[in-house]
C-alpha atoms as a PDB file:
ATOM      1  CA  MET A   1     167.697 126.755  92.173  1.00  0.00           C
ATOM      2  CA  SER A   2     165.373 129.342  90.751  1.00  0.00           C
ATOM      3  CA  ALA A   3     164.729 130.109  87.097  1.00  0.00           C
ATOM      4  CA  MET A   4     166.246 133.586  87.477  1.00  0.00           C
ATOM      5  CA  SER A   5     169.775 132.326  88.073  1.00  0.00           C
ATOM      6  CA  GLN A   6     169.829 130.476  84.747  1.00  0.00           C
ATOM      7  CA  SER A   7     169.036 133.539  82.618  1.00  0.00           C
ATOM      8  CA  ARG A   8     171.529 135.869  84.359  1.00  0.00           C
ATOM      9  CA  GLY A   9     174.616 133.960  83.187  1.00  0.00           C
ATOM     10  CA  THR A  10     174.172 134.618  79.468  1.00  0.00           C
ATOM     11  CA  LYS A  11     176.446 137.105  77.730  1.00  0.00           C
ATOM     12  CA  VAL A  12     175.868 139.053  74.567  1.00  0.00           C
ATOM     13  CA  ALA A  13     178.015 137.720  71.747  1.00  0.00           C
ATOM     14  CA  VAL A  14     179.783 140.487  69.847  1.00  0.00           C
ATOM     15  CA  PRO A  15     181.285 139.665  66.465  1.00  0.00           C
ATOM     16  CA  SER A  16     185.058 139.941  66.308  1.00  0.00           C
ATOM     17  CA  ASN A  17     184.745 142.145  63.211  1.00  0.00           C
ATOM     18  CA  LEU A  18     183.406 144.927  65.424  1.00  0.00           C
ATOM     19  CA  TYR A  19     186.587 144.934  67.502  1.00  0.00           C
ATOM     20  CA  THR A  20     188.666 144.966  64.311  1.00  0.00           C
ATOM     21  CA  ALA A  21     186.732 147.968  63.013  1.00  0.00           C
ATOM     22  CA  VAL A  22     187.142 149.878  66.288  1.00  0.00           C
ATOM     23  CA  LEU A  23     190.869 149.110  66.289  1.00  0.00           C
ATOM     24  CA  ALA A  24     191.191 150.286  62.676  1.00  0.00           C
ATOM     25  CA  VAL A  25     189.371 153.547  63.411  1.00  0.00           C
ATOM     26  CA  ALA A  26     191.524 154.209  66.480  1.00  0.00           C
ATOM     27  CA  PHE A  27     194.700 153.515  64.495  1.00  0.00           C
ATOM     28  CA  ALA A  28     193.543 155.847  61.709  1.00  0.00           C
ATOM     29  CA  VAL A  29     192.836 158.646  64.197  1.00  0.00           C
ATOM     30  CA  VAL A  30     196.286 158.296  65.807  1.00  0.00           C
ATOM     31  CA  LEU A  31     197.986 158.207  62.397  1.00  0.00           C
ATOM     32  CA  ALA A  32     196.072 161.266  61.189  1.00  0.00           C
ATOM     33  CA  THR A  33     196.939 163.182  64.364  1.00  0.00           C
ATOM     34  CA  ALA A  34     200.637 162.325  64.094  1.00  0.00           C
ATOM     35  CA  SER A  35     200.650 163.330  60.430  1.00  0.00           C
ATOM     36  CA  PHE A  36     198.952 166.632  61.208  1.00  0.00           C
ATOM     37  CA  VAL A  37     201.419 167.437  64.007  1.00  0.00           C
ATOM     38  CA  ALA A  38     204.380 166.575  61.768  1.00  0.00           C
ATOM     39  CA  PHE A  39     202.983 168.742  58.954  1.00  0.00           C
ATOM     40  CA  MET A  40     202.360 171.705  61.262  1.00  0.00           C
ATOM     41  CA  CYS A  41     205.858 171.414  62.770  1.00  0.00           C
ATOM     42  CA  PHE A  42     207.383 171.325  59.297  1.00  0.00           C
ATOM     43  CA  THR A  43     205.403 174.338  58.050  1.00  0.00           C
ATOM     44  CA  ARG A  44     206.099 176.467  61.127  1.00  0.00           C
ATOM     45  CA  TYR A  45     209.653 175.451  62.049  1.00  0.00           C
ATOM     46  CA  GLU A  46     210.906 173.945  58.762  1.00  0.00           C
ATOM     47  CA  THR A  47     211.958 170.799  60.656  1.00  0.00           C
ATOM     48  CA  ILE A  48     210.125 167.910  62.265  1.00  0.00           C
ATOM     49  CA  PHE A  49     212.568 166.387  64.754  1.00  0.00           C
ATOM     50  CA  GLY A  50     214.946 169.246  65.563  1.00  0.00           C
ATOM     51  CA  MET A  51     214.700 172.132  67.965  1.00  0.00           C
ATOM     52  CA  PRO A  52     213.961 175.497  66.322  1.00  0.00           C
END
């Protein structure tokens, strides 16, 4: 076996807090978008879930 095959198998360790932060940011973006759409529907059509 060569020395090159031993160094190729290593992976970069990423802290789990990074994944939690990315998940929190994605959730905040989806929540903000849903809130904005609901607000715009209410201001334009005076209802959120009904047909105008």
